[in-house]
PDB file of N, CA and C in Angstrom:
ATOM      1  N   MET A   1      54.876  37.910 -53.351  1.00  0.00           N
ATOM      2  CA  MET A   1      55.799  36.656 -53.424  1.00  0.00           C
ATOM      3  C   MET A   1      55.560  35.959 -54.659  1.00  0.00           C
ATOM      4  N   ALA A   2      56.486  35.359 -55.207  1.00  0.00           N
ATOM      5  CA  ALA A   2      56.548  34.585 -56.529  1.00  0.00           C
ATOM      6  C   ALA A   2      56.182  33.240 -56.169  1.00  0.00           C
ATOM      7  N   GLN A   3      55.577  32.538 -57.161  1.00  0.00           N
ATOM      8  CA  GLN A   3      55.255  31.189 -56.928  1.00  0.00           C
ATOM      9  C   GLN A   3      56.367  30.195 -57.553  1.00  0.00           C
ATOM     10  N   LYS A   4      56.524  29.077 -56.867  1.00  0.00           N
ATOM     11  CA  LYS A   4      57.423  28.118 -57.264  1.00  0.00           C
ATOM     12  C   LYS A   4      56.823  27.109 -58.025  1.00  0.00           C
ATOM     13  N   LYS A   5      57.523  26.324 -59.001  1.00  0.00           N
ATOM     14  CA  LYS A   5      56.968  25.219 -59.706  1.00  0.00           C
ATOM     15  C   LYS A   5      57.040  24.050 -59.021  1.00  0.00           C
ATOM     16  N   ALA A   6      56.025  23.246 -59.149  1.00  0.00           N
ATOM     17  CA  ALA A   6      56.169  21.815 -58.507  1.00  0.00           C
ATOM     18  C   ALA A   6      55.493  20.766 -59.612  1.00  0.00           C
ATOM     19  N   SER A   7      55.788  19.610 -59.591  1.00  0.00           N
ATOM     20  CA  SER A   7      55.305  18.594 -60.547  1.00  0.00           C
ATOM     21  C   SER A   7      54.264  17.715 -59.755  1.00  0.00           C
ATOM     22  N   LEU A   8      53.339  17.173 -60.427  1.00  0.00           N
ATOM     23  CA  LEU A   8      52.334  16.221 -60.080  1.00  0.00           C
ATOM     24  C   LEU A   8      52.828  14.869 -60.724  1.00  0.00           C
ATOM     25  N   ALA A   9      53.165  13.976 -59.633  1.00  0.00           N
ATOM     26  CA  ALA A   9      53.631  12.631 -60.235  1.00  0.00           C
ATOM     27  C   ALA A   9      52.624  11.500 -59.957  1.00  0.00           C
ATOM     28  N   CYS A  10      52.434  10.645 -60.820  1.00  0.00           N
ATOM     29  CA  CYS A  10      51.534   9.616 -60.831  1.00  0.00           C
ATOM     30  C   CYS A  10      51.934   8.644 -59.677  1.00  0.00           C
ATOM     31  N   THR A  11      51.189   8.209 -58.852  1.00  0.00           N
ATOM     32  CA  THR A  11      51.559   7.365 -57.814  1.00  0.00           C
ATOM     33  C   THR A  11      51.805   5.882 -58.148  1.00  0.00           C
ATOM     34  N   GLU A  12      51.318   5.488 -59.371  1.00  0.00           N
ATOM     35  CA  GLU A  12      51.379   4.054 -59.820  1.00  0.00           C
ATOM     36  C   GLU A  12      52.780   3.946 -60.698  1.00  0.00           C
ATOM     37  N   CYS A  13      52.849   4.799 -61.755  1.00  0.00           N
ATOM     38  CA  CYS A  13      54.021   4.638 -62.559  1.00  0.00           C
ATOM     39  C   CYS A  13      55.160   5.552 -62.225  1.00  0.00           C
ATOM     40  N   GLY A  14      54.743   6.725 -61.616  1.00  0.00           N
ATOM     41  CA  GLY A  14      55.877   7.662 -61.142  1.00  0.00           C
ATOM     42  C   GLY A  14      56.241   8.661 -62.332  1.00  0.00           C
ATOM     43  N   SER A  15      55.547   8.714 -63.359  1.00  0.00           N
ATOM     44  CA  SER A  15      55.809   9.802 -64.316  1.00  0.00           C
ATOM     45  C   SER A  15      55.142  11.046 -63.828  1.00  0.00           C
ATOM     46  N   ARG A  16      55.934  12.056 -64.226  1.00  0.00           N
ATOM     47  CA  ARG A  16      55.602  13.572 -63.917  1.00  0.00           C
ATOM     48  C   ARG A  16      54.735  14.182 -64.965  1.00  0.00           C
ATOM     49  N   ASN A  17      53.375  14.103 -64.893  1.00  0.00           N
ATOM     50  CA  ASN A  17      52.642  14.498 -65.957  1.00  0.00           C
ATOM     51  C   ASN A  17      52.231  15.838 -66.002  1.00  0.00           C
ATOM     52  N   TYR A  18      52.093  16.567 -64.840  1.00  0.00           N
ATOM     53  CA  TYR A  18      51.570  17.853 -64.655  1.00  0.00           C
ATOM     54  C   TYR A  18      52.405  18.781 -63.857  1.00  0.00           C
ATOM     55  N   SER A  19      52.512  20.145 -64.119  1.00  0.00           N
ATOM     56  CA  SER A  19      53.175  20.905 -63.379  1.00  0.00           C
ATOM     57  C   SER A  19      52.181  21.989 -62.907  1.00  0.00           C
ATOM     58  N   ILE A  20      52.602  22.671 -61.609  1.00  0.00           N
ATOM     59  CA  ILE A  20      51.559  23.468 -61.010  1.00  0.00           C
ATOM     60  C   ILE A  20      52.418  24.668 -60.425  1.00  0.00           C
ATOM     61  N   GLY A  21      51.800  25.708 -60.196  1.00  0.00           N
ATOM     62  CA  GLY A  21      52.404  26.874 -59.387  1.00  0.00           C
ATOM     63  C   GLY A  21      52.024  26.680 -57.809  1.00  0.00           C
ATOM     64  N   VAL A  22      53.107  26.816 -56.871  1.00  0.00           N
ATOM     65  CA  VAL A  22      52.779  26.629 -55.633  1.00  0.00           C
ATOM     66  C   VAL A  22      53.461  27.763 -54.851  1.00  0.00           C
ATOM     67  N   SER A  23      52.843  28.254 -53.768  1.00  0.00           N
ATOM     68  CA  SER A  23      53.279  29.228 -52.959  1.00  0.00           C
ATOM     69  C   SER A  23      54.513  28.848 -52.436  1.00  0.00           C
ATOM     70  N   SER A  24      55.429  29.971 -52.028  1.00  0.00           N
ATOM     71  CA  SER A  24      56.703  29.678 -51.557  1.00  0.00           C
ATOM     72  C   SER A  24      56.767  29.235 -50.108  1.00  0.00           C
ATOM     73  N   ASN A  25      55.787  29.385 -49.379  1.00  0.00           N
ATOM     74  CA  ASN A  25      55.582  29.072 -47.983  1.00  0.00           C
ATOM     75  C   ASN A  25      55.421  27.570 -47.933  1.00  0.00           C
ATOM     76  N   PRO A  26      56.296  26.753 -47.086  1.00  0.00           N
ATOM     77  CA  PRO A  26      56.194  25.459 -47.012  1.00  0.00           C
ATOM     78  C   PRO A  26      55.012  25.066 -46.292  1.00  0.00           C
ATOM     79  N   LYS A  27      54.303  23.787 -46.710  1.00  0.00           N
ATOM     80  CA  LYS A  27      53.266  23.192 -46.128  1.00  0.00           C
ATOM     81  C   LYS A  27      53.480  21.924 -45.608  1.00  0.00           C
ATOM     82  N   PRO A  28      52.933  21.409 -44.426  1.00  0.00           N
ATOM     83  CA  PRO A  28      53.312  20.107 -43.907  1.00  0.00           C
ATOM     84  C   PRO A  28      52.736  18.943 -44.751  1.00  0.00           C
ATOM     85  N   THR A  29      51.836  19.328 -45.433  1.00  0.00           N
ATOM     86  CA  THR A  29      51.048  18.147 -46.254  1.00  0.00           C
ATOM     87  C   THR A  29      51.326  18.631 -47.976  1.00  0.00           C
ATOM     88  N   ARG A  30      51.379  17.601 -48.659  1.00  0.00           N
ATOM     89  CA  ARG A  30      51.598  17.712 -50.090  1.00  0.00           C
ATOM     90  C   ARG A  30      50.278  17.481 -50.800  1.00  0.00           C
ATOM     91  N   LEU A  31      50.066  18.024 -51.908  1.00  0.00           N
ATOM     92  CA  LEU A  31      48.809  18.045 -52.657  1.00  0.00           C
ATOM     93  C   LEU A  31      48.594  16.801 -53.276  1.00  0.00           C
ATOM     94  N   GLU A  32      47.280  16.269 -53.298  1.00  0.00           N
ATOM     95  CA  GLU A  32      47.021  15.036 -53.910  1.00  0.00           C
ATOM     96  C   GLU A  32      45.832  15.326 -54.785  1.00  0.00           C
ATOM     97  N   VAL A  33      45.799  14.995 -56.036  1.00  0.00           N
ATOM     98  CA  VAL A  33      44.787  15.358 -56.942  1.00  0.00           C
ATOM     99  C   VAL A  33      44.557  14.031 -57.783  1.00  0.00           C
ATOM    100  N   ASN A  34      43.407  13.738 -58.114  1.00  0.00           N
ATOM    101  CA  ASN A  34      42.956  12.655 -59.120  1.00  0.00           C
ATOM    102  C   ASN A  34      42.883  13.235 -60.588  1.00  0.00           C
ATOM    103  N   LYS A  35      43.930  12.741 -61.182  1.00  0.00           N
ATOM    104  CA  LYS A  35      44.177  13.200 -62.601  1.00  0.00           C
ATOM    105  C   LYS A  35      44.360  12.016 -63.551  1.00  0.00           C
ATOM    106  N   PHE A  36      44.343  12.270 -64.804  1.00  0.00           N
ATOM    107  CA  PHE A  36      44.493  11.294 -65.894  1.00  0.00           C
ATOM    108  C   PHE A  36      46.000  11.099 -66.135  1.00  0.00           C
ATOM    109  N   CYS A  37      46.335   9.807 -66.205  1.00  0.00           N
ATOM    110  CA  CYS A  37      47.812   9.545 -66.484  1.00  0.00           C
ATOM    111  C   CYS A  37      47.789   8.982 -67.978  1.00  0.00           C
ATOM    112  N   LYS A  38      48.745   9.683 -68.760  1.00  0.00           N
ATOM    113  CA  LYS A  38      48.609   9.246 -70.148  1.00  0.00           C
ATOM    114  C   LYS A  38      49.279   7.916 -70.287  1.00  0.00           C
ATOM    115  N   HIS A  39      50.269   7.659 -69.398  1.00  0.00           N
ATOM    116  CA  HIS A  39      51.166   6.431 -69.430  1.00  0.00           C
ATOM    117  C   HIS A  39      50.353   5.063 -69.101  1.00  0.00           C
ATOM    118  N   CYS A  40      49.461   5.373 -67.816  1.00  0.00           N
ATOM    119  CA  CYS A  40      48.689   4.277 -67.242  1.00  0.00           C
ATOM    120  C   CYS A  40      47.288   4.066 -68.154  1.00  0.00           C
ATOM    121  N   GLN A  41      46.844   5.207 -68.631  1.00  0.00           N
ATOM    122  CA  GLN A  41      45.625   5.220 -69.349  1.00  0.00           C
ATOM    123  C   GLN A  41      44.504   5.166 -68.561  1.00  0.00           C
ATOM    124  N   LYS A  42      44.560   5.744 -67.482  1.00  0.00           N
ATOM    125  CA  LYS A  42      43.453   5.818 -66.467  1.00  0.00           C
ATOM    126  C   LYS A  42      43.578   6.844 -65.402  1.00  0.00           C
ATOM    127  N   TYR A  43      42.505   7.142 -64.636  1.00  0.00           N
ATOM    128  CA  TYR A  43      42.629   8.318 -63.570  1.00  0.00           C
ATOM    129  C   TYR A  43      43.196   7.508 -62.317  1.00  0.00           C
ATOM    130  N   ILE A  44      44.275   8.305 -61.846  1.00  0.00           N
ATOM    131  CA  ILE A  44      45.162   7.832 -60.812  1.00  0.00           C
ATOM    132  C   ILE A  44      45.289   9.101 -59.694  1.00  0.00           C
ATOM    133  N   VAL A  45      45.619   8.841 -58.725  1.00  0.00           N
ATOM    134  CA  VAL A  45      45.939   9.944 -57.674  1.00  0.00           C
ATOM    135  C   VAL A  45      47.443  10.477 -58.073  1.00  0.00           C
ATOM    136  N   HIS A  46      47.686  11.739 -58.176  1.00  0.00           N
ATOM    137  CA  HIS A  46      48.938  12.299 -58.596  1.00  0.00           C
ATOM    138  C   HIS A  46      49.339  13.062 -57.235  1.00  0.00           C
ATOM    139  N   LYS A  47      50.499  12.952 -56.846  1.00  0.00           N
ATOM    140  CA  LYS A  47      51.023  13.599 -55.705  1.00  0.00           C
ATOM    141  C   LYS A  47      52.092  14.692 -56.028  1.00  0.00           C
ATOM    142  N   GLU A  48      52.024  15.809 -55.273  1.00  0.00           N
ATOM    143  CA  GLU A  48      52.945  16.853 -55.457  1.00  0.00           C
ATOM    144  C   GLU A  48      54.352  16.445 -55.273  1.00  0.00           C
ATOM    145  N   THR A  49      55.334  16.795 -56.091  1.00  0.00           N
ATOM    146  CA  THR A  49      56.714  16.691 -55.947  1.00  0.00           C
ATOM    147  C   THR A  49      57.481  18.045 -56.179  1.00  0.00           C
ATOM    148  N   ARG A  50      58.567  18.171 -55.467  1.00  0.00           N
ATOM    149  CA  ARG A  50      59.147  19.431 -55.591  1.00  0.00           C
ATOM    150  C   ARG A  50      60.513  19.422 -56.346  1.00  0.00           C
TER     151      ARG A  50
END
């Protein structure tokens, strides 16, 4: 199975800073990761967008 691309969006400013490979099987919950946002200049939770 091929992986699909998804973006990680900042929960504060909404900018999509990171892209990840996600399995094509749908999951009920979306991934949440604490990453650095270059626009906010701090570590913020980023949520998976499709």
